[in-house]
Amino acid sequence: MKKILIIAFGVTVAFSATAQTQKFGHIDSDALMELMPEKAKAEKDMEAFAKEFQGALEAMAKEYEAKVADYQSKEKDMTALVKQTKVKEITDLERRIQEFQGQAQGEIQKKEQELLAPIVEKARKAIDAVATEKGYTYVFDNSSGVLLFAKDSENIIADVKVKLGL
């Protein structure tokens, strides 16, 4: 029984010593990304990419408005078959607009990921390098709202900025 207590005490002391040598840091990765010039360029590229879709969508909206206005102005003089055909044209255009919006959103998100991936990777490598150089056991990202308390951790954003040349 004494051997078990001694072993348990030894494990507890060893575990406690290990926990005391761990070094914790934190960083606001969103703030870091905003400091990187590549992020501003990616945002400009995204705006230009989205404008192309916006122009096409505006043209479709004008066409839709014109068809609806034409239908409303001539509706009382139309035969049932013509009304049915015009309503189908309008609903088909509505469906095409909705499909286009969905596809455009998907393309924009895909492009955003494509543009941001190398920037995120660059930031991640700098964070990893600083954490390794400075001997951090863990680095938490407090931009995600997960970090609730950081008394014994160090903010490493200054070191990462130096690593990135910012």
C-alpha atoms as a PDB file:
ATOM      1  CA  MET A   1       0.000   0.000   0.000  1.00  0.00           C
ATOM      2  CA  LYS A   2       2.883   2.337   0.870  1.00  0.00           C
ATOM      3  CA  LYS A   3       4.499   1.590  -2.509  1.00  0.00           C
ATOM      4  CA  ILE A   4       1.305   2.621  -4.327  1.00  0.00           C
ATOM      5  CA  LEU A   5       1.111   5.885  -2.364  1.00  0.00           C
ATOM      6  CA  ILE A   6       4.771   6.642  -3.016  1.00  0.00           C
ATOM      7  CA  ILE A   7       4.361   5.934  -6.748  1.00  0.00           C
ATOM      8  CA  ALA A   8       1.188   8.047  -6.902  1.00  0.00           C
ATOM      9  CA  PHE A   9       2.961  10.872  -5.067  1.00  0.00           C
ATOM     10  CA  GLY A  10       5.938  10.620  -7.456  1.00  0.00           C
ATOM     11  CA  VAL A  11       3.684  10.717 -10.523  1.00  0.00           C
ATOM     12  CA  THR A  12       1.800  13.710  -9.113  1.00  0.00           C
ATOM     13  CA  VAL A  13       5.045  15.591  -8.428  1.00  0.00           C
ATOM     14  CA  ALA A  14       6.407  14.761 -11.892  1.00  0.00           C
ATOM     15  CA  PHE A  15       3.128  15.780 -13.533  1.00  0.00           C
ATOM     16  CA  SER A  16       3.076  19.015 -11.537  1.00  0.00           C
ATOM     17  CA  ALA A  17       6.641  19.847 -12.554  1.00  0.00           C
ATOM     18  CA  THR A  18       5.818  19.206 -16.199  1.00  0.00           C
ATOM     19  CA  ALA A  19       2.744  21.438 -16.042  1.00  0.00           C
ATOM     20  CA  GLN A  20       4.811  24.250 -14.538  1.00  0.00           C
ATOM     21  CA  THR A  21       7.294  24.164 -17.431  1.00  0.00           C
ATOM     22  CA  GLN A  22       4.636  24.551 -20.059  1.00  0.00           C
ATOM     23  CA  LYS A  23       4.506  27.947 -21.697  1.00  0.00           C
ATOM     24  CA  PHE A  24       1.234  29.341 -23.012  1.00  0.00           C
ATOM     25  CA  GLY A  25       0.704  32.115 -25.523  1.00  0.00           C
ATOM     26  CA  HIS A  26      -2.197  33.668 -27.343  1.00  0.00           C
ATOM     27  CA  ILE A  27      -2.755  35.665 -30.489  1.00  0.00           C
ATOM     28  CA  ASP A  28      -5.645  37.386 -32.218  1.00  0.00           C
ATOM     29  CA  SER A  29      -5.303  35.870 -35.679  1.00  0.00           C
ATOM     30  CA  ASP A  30      -7.991  38.159 -37.108  1.00  0.00           C
ATOM     31  CA  ALA A  31      -5.998  41.219 -36.015  1.00  0.00           C
ATOM     32  CA  LEU A  32      -2.839  39.671 -37.463  1.00  0.00           C
ATOM     33  CA  MET A  33      -4.545  39.019 -40.807  1.00  0.00           C
ATOM     34  CA  GLU A  34      -5.746  42.636 -40.963  1.00  0.00           C
ATOM     35  CA  LEU A  35      -2.127  43.787 -40.606  1.00  0.00           C
ATOM     36  CA  MET A  36      -0.920  41.699 -43.538  1.00  0.00           C
ATOM     37  CA  PRO A  37      -0.773  43.661 -46.822  1.00  0.00           C
ATOM     38  CA  GLU A  38      -1.689  40.506 -48.741  1.00  0.00           C
ATOM     39  CA  LYS A  39      -5.115  40.570 -47.064  1.00  0.00           C
ATOM     40  CA  ALA A  40      -5.927  44.035 -48.442  1.00  0.00           C
ATOM     41  CA  LYS A  41      -4.915  42.920 -51.947  1.00  0.00           C
ATOM     42  CA  ALA A  42      -7.051  39.784 -51.632  1.00  0.00           C
ATOM     43  CA  GLU A  43     -10.033  41.911 -50.579  1.00  0.00           C
ATOM     44  CA  LYS A  44      -9.580  44.178 -53.623  1.00  0.00           C
ATOM     45  CA  ASP A  45      -9.339  41.140 -55.876  1.00  0.00           C
ATOM     46  CA  MET A  46     -12.515  39.751 -54.297  1.00  0.00           C
ATOM     47  CA  GLU A  47     -14.377  43.003 -54.904  1.00  0.00           C
ATOM     48  CA  ALA A  48     -13.360  42.980 -58.575  1.00  0.00           C
ATOM     49  CA  PHE A  49     -14.388  39.335 -58.903  1.00  0.00           C
ATOM     50  CA  ALA A  50     -17.768  39.968 -57.246  1.00  0.00           C
ATOM     51  CA  LYS A  51     -18.452  43.027 -59.445  1.00  0.00           C
ATOM     52  CA  GLU A  52     -18.612  40.811 -62.513  1.00  0.00           C
ATOM     53  CA  PHE A  53     -21.409  38.791 -60.941  1.00  0.00           C
ATOM     54  CA  GLN A  54     -23.104  41.938 -59.683  1.00  0.00           C
ATOM     55  CA  GLY A  55     -23.238  43.381 -63.197  1.00  0.00           C
ATOM     56  CA  ALA A  56     -24.810  40.233 -64.603  1.00  0.00           C
ATOM     57  CA  LEU A  57     -27.306  40.103 -61.751  1.00  0.00           C
ATOM     58  CA  GLU A  58     -28.300  43.740 -62.274  1.00  0.00           C
ATOM     59  CA  ALA A  59     -28.899  43.059 -65.981  1.00  0.00           C
ATOM     60  CA  MET A  60     -31.112  40.099 -65.092  1.00  0.00           C
ATOM     61  CA  ALA A  61     -33.012  42.216 -62.554  1.00  0.00           C
ATOM     62  CA  LYS A  62     -33.662  44.910 -65.176  1.00  0.00           C
ATOM     63  CA  GLU A  63     -34.921  42.292 -67.595  1.00  0.00           C
ATOM     64  CA  TYR A  64     -37.198  40.904 -64.879  1.00  0.00           C
ATOM     65  CA  GLU A  65     -38.572  44.339 -64.000  1.00  0.00           C
ATOM     66  CA  ALA A  66     -39.224  45.097 -67.681  1.00  0.00           C
ATOM     67  CA  LYS A  67     -41.076  41.801 -68.177  1.00  0.00           C
ATOM     68  CA  VAL A  68     -43.200  42.355 -65.070  1.00  0.00           C
ATOM     69  CA  ALA A  69     -44.007  45.948 -66.072  1.00  0.00           C
ATOM     70  CA  ASP A  70     -44.907  44.856 -69.595  1.00  0.00           C
ATOM     71  CA  TYR A  71     -47.115  42.075 -68.264  1.00  0.00           C
ATOM     72  CA  GLN A  72     -48.879  44.365 -65.798  1.00  0.00           C
ATOM     73  CA  SER A  73     -49.512  47.055 -68.415  1.00  0.00           C
ATOM     74  CA  LYS A  74     -50.947  44.636 -71.007  1.00  0.00           C
ATOM     75  CA  GLU A  75     -52.503  41.992 -68.777  1.00  0.00           C
ATOM     76  CA  LYS A  76     -56.138  43.038 -69.225  1.00  0.00           C
ATOM     77  CA  ASP A  77     -55.848  42.832 -73.039  1.00  0.00           C
ATOM     78  CA  MET A  78     -54.103  39.417 -73.085  1.00  0.00           C
ATOM     79  CA  THR A  79     -55.752  36.124 -73.825  1.00  0.00           C
ATOM     80  CA  ALA A  80     -55.485  33.372 -71.235  1.00  0.00           C
ATOM     81  CA  LEU A  81     -52.825  31.542 -73.261  1.00  0.00           C
ATOM     82  CA  VAL A  82     -50.683  34.670 -73.662  1.00  0.00           C
ATOM     83  CA  LYS A  83     -51.031  35.431 -69.918  1.00  0.00           C
ATOM     84  CA  GLN A  84     -49.990  31.883 -69.073  1.00  0.00           C
ATOM     85  CA  THR A  85     -46.977  32.133 -71.389  1.00  0.00           C
ATOM     86  CA  LYS A  86     -45.896  35.520 -69.963  1.00  0.00           C
ATOM     87  CA  VAL A  87     -46.274  34.301 -66.366  1.00  0.00           C
ATOM     88  CA  LYS A  88     -44.153  31.244 -67.226  1.00  0.00           C
ATOM     89  CA  GLU A  89     -41.485  33.496 -68.761  1.00  0.00           C
ATOM     90  CA  ILE A  90     -41.433  35.627 -65.610  1.00  0.00           C
ATOM     91  CA  THR A  91     -41.287  32.659 -63.231  1.00  0.00           C
ATOM     92  CA  ASP A  92     -38.560  31.024 -65.350  1.00  0.00           C
ATOM     93  CA  LEU A  93     -36.556  34.240 -65.150  1.00  0.00           C
ATOM     94  CA  GLU A  94     -37.083  34.379 -61.368  1.00  0.00           C
ATOM     95  CA  ARG A  95     -35.780  30.822 -61.099  1.00  0.00           C
ATOM     96  CA  ARG A  96     -32.744  31.640 -63.283  1.00  0.00           C
ATOM     97  CA  ILE A  97     -31.980  34.695 -61.138  1.00  0.00           C
ATOM     98  CA  GLN A  98     -32.146  32.623 -57.949  1.00  0.00           C
ATOM     99  CA  GLU A  99     -29.957  29.899 -59.454  1.00  0.00           C
ATOM    100  CA  PHE A 100     -27.471  32.493 -60.645  1.00  0.00           C
ATOM    101  CA  GLN A 101     -27.343  34.098 -57.188  1.00  0.00           C
ATOM    102  CA  GLY A 102     -26.656  30.731 -55.566  1.00  0.00           C
ATOM    103  CA  GLN A 103     -23.990  29.797 -58.073  1.00  0.00           C
ATOM    104  CA  ALA A 104     -22.388  33.235 -57.844  1.00  0.00           C
ATOM    105  CA  GLN A 105     -22.253  33.002 -54.047  1.00  0.00           C
ATOM    106  CA  GLY A 106     -20.574  29.618 -54.343  1.00  0.00           C
ATOM    107  CA  GLU A 107     -18.038  30.948 -56.829  1.00  0.00           C
ATOM    108  CA  ILE A 108     -17.312  33.979 -54.651  1.00  0.00           C
ATOM    109  CA  GLN A 109     -16.777  31.813 -51.564  1.00  0.00           C
ATOM    110  CA  LYS A 110     -14.521  29.485 -53.548  1.00  0.00           C
ATOM    111  CA  LYS A 111     -12.477  32.438 -54.833  1.00  0.00           C
ATOM    112  CA  GLU A 112     -12.238  33.900 -51.323  1.00  0.00           C
ATOM    113  CA  GLN A 113     -10.878  30.624 -49.963  1.00  0.00           C
ATOM    114  CA  GLU A 114      -8.472  30.414 -52.878  1.00  0.00           C
ATOM    115  CA  LEU A 115      -7.170  33.947 -52.241  1.00  0.00           C
ATOM    116  CA  LEU A 116      -7.015  33.681 -48.444  1.00  0.00           C
ATOM    117  CA  ALA A 117      -5.509  30.185 -48.145  1.00  0.00           C
ATOM    118  CA  PRO A 118      -1.892  31.251 -48.857  1.00  0.00           C
ATOM    119  CA  ILE A 119      -2.229  34.231 -46.502  1.00  0.00           C
ATOM    120  CA  VAL A 120      -3.603  32.064 -43.703  1.00  0.00           C
ATOM    121  CA  GLU A 121      -0.831  29.529 -44.337  1.00  0.00           C
ATOM    122  CA  LYS A 122       1.829  32.253 -44.179  1.00  0.00           C
ATOM    123  CA  ALA A 123       0.430  33.532 -40.878  1.00  0.00           C
ATOM    124  CA  ARG A 124       0.187  29.988 -39.527  1.00  0.00           C
ATOM    125  CA  LYS A 125       3.813  29.255 -40.402  1.00  0.00           C
ATOM    126  CA  ALA A 126       4.947  32.467 -38.698  1.00  0.00           C
ATOM    127  CA  ILE A 127       2.922  31.607 -35.582  1.00  0.00           C
ATOM    128  CA  ASP A 128       4.384  28.087 -35.564  1.00  0.00           C
ATOM    129  CA  ALA A 129       7.910  29.455 -35.996  1.00  0.00           C
ATOM    130  CA  VAL A 130       7.530  31.953 -33.148  1.00  0.00           C
ATOM    131  CA  ALA A 131       5.955  29.329 -30.899  1.00  0.00           C
ATOM    132  CA  THR A 132       8.830  26.936 -31.590  1.00  0.00           C
ATOM    133  CA  GLU A 133      11.543  29.594 -31.198  1.00  0.00           C
ATOM    134  CA  LYS A 134      10.073  30.944 -27.952  1.00  0.00           C
ATOM    135  CA  GLY A 135       9.314  27.506 -26.478  1.00  0.00           C
ATOM    136  CA  TYR A 136       5.521  27.740 -26.254  1.00  0.00           C
ATOM    137  CA  THR A 137       3.677  24.530 -25.490  1.00  0.00           C
ATOM    138  CA  TYR A 138       0.329  25.925 -26.624  1.00  0.00           C
ATOM    139  CA  VAL A 139      -0.763  29.054 -28.470  1.00  0.00           C
ATOM    140  CA  PHE A 140      -4.460  29.910 -28.339  1.00  0.00           C
ATOM    141  CA  ASP A 141      -6.336  31.975 -30.895  1.00  0.00           C
ATOM    142  CA  ASN A 142      -8.460  34.457 -28.950  1.00  0.00           C
ATOM    143  CA  SER A 143     -10.110  35.854 -32.107  1.00  0.00           C
ATOM    144  CA  SER A 144     -12.443  32.877 -32.193  1.00  0.00           C
ATOM    145  CA  GLY A 145     -13.799  33.677 -28.732  1.00  0.00           C
ATOM    146  CA  VAL A 146     -12.625  30.353 -27.319  1.00  0.00           C
ATOM    147  CA  LEU A 147     -10.016  31.796 -24.963  1.00  0.00           C
ATOM    148  CA  LEU A 148     -11.779  32.607 -21.709  1.00  0.00           C
ATOM    149  CA  PHE A 149      -8.816  33.433 -19.526  1.00  0.00           C
ATOM    150  CA  ALA A 150      -5.213  34.282 -20.358  1.00  0.00           C
ATOM    151  CA  LYS A 151      -3.463  35.337 -17.157  1.00  0.00           C
ATOM    152  CA  ASP A 152      -0.471  33.047 -17.594  1.00  0.00           C
ATOM    153  CA  SER A 153      -0.145  33.322 -21.324  1.00  0.00           C
ATOM    154  CA  GLU A 154       1.725  35.794 -23.471  1.00  0.00           C
ATOM    155  CA  ASN A 155       0.379  37.645 -26.480  1.00  0.00           C
ATOM    156  CA  ILE A 156       2.753  36.707 -29.298  1.00  0.00           C
ATOM    157  CA  ILE A 157       1.389  39.023 -31.993  1.00  0.00           C
ATOM    158  CA  ALA A 158       4.406  41.363 -31.740  1.00  0.00           C
ATOM    159  CA  ASP A 159       6.831  38.486 -32.357  1.00  0.00           C
ATOM    160  CA  VAL A 160       4.743  37.162 -35.247  1.00  0.00           C
ATOM    161  CA  LYS A 161       4.600  40.651 -36.793  1.00  0.00           C
ATOM    162  CA  VAL A 162       8.406  40.780 -36.663  1.00  0.00           C
ATOM    163  CA  LYS A 163       8.587  37.303 -38.242  1.00  0.00           C
ATOM    164  CA  LEU A 164       6.316  38.496 -41.067  1.00  0.00           C
ATOM    165  CA  GLY A 165       8.211  41.762 -41.465  1.00  0.00           C
ATOM    166  CA  LEU A 166       5.202  43.901 -40.539  1.00  0.00           C
END
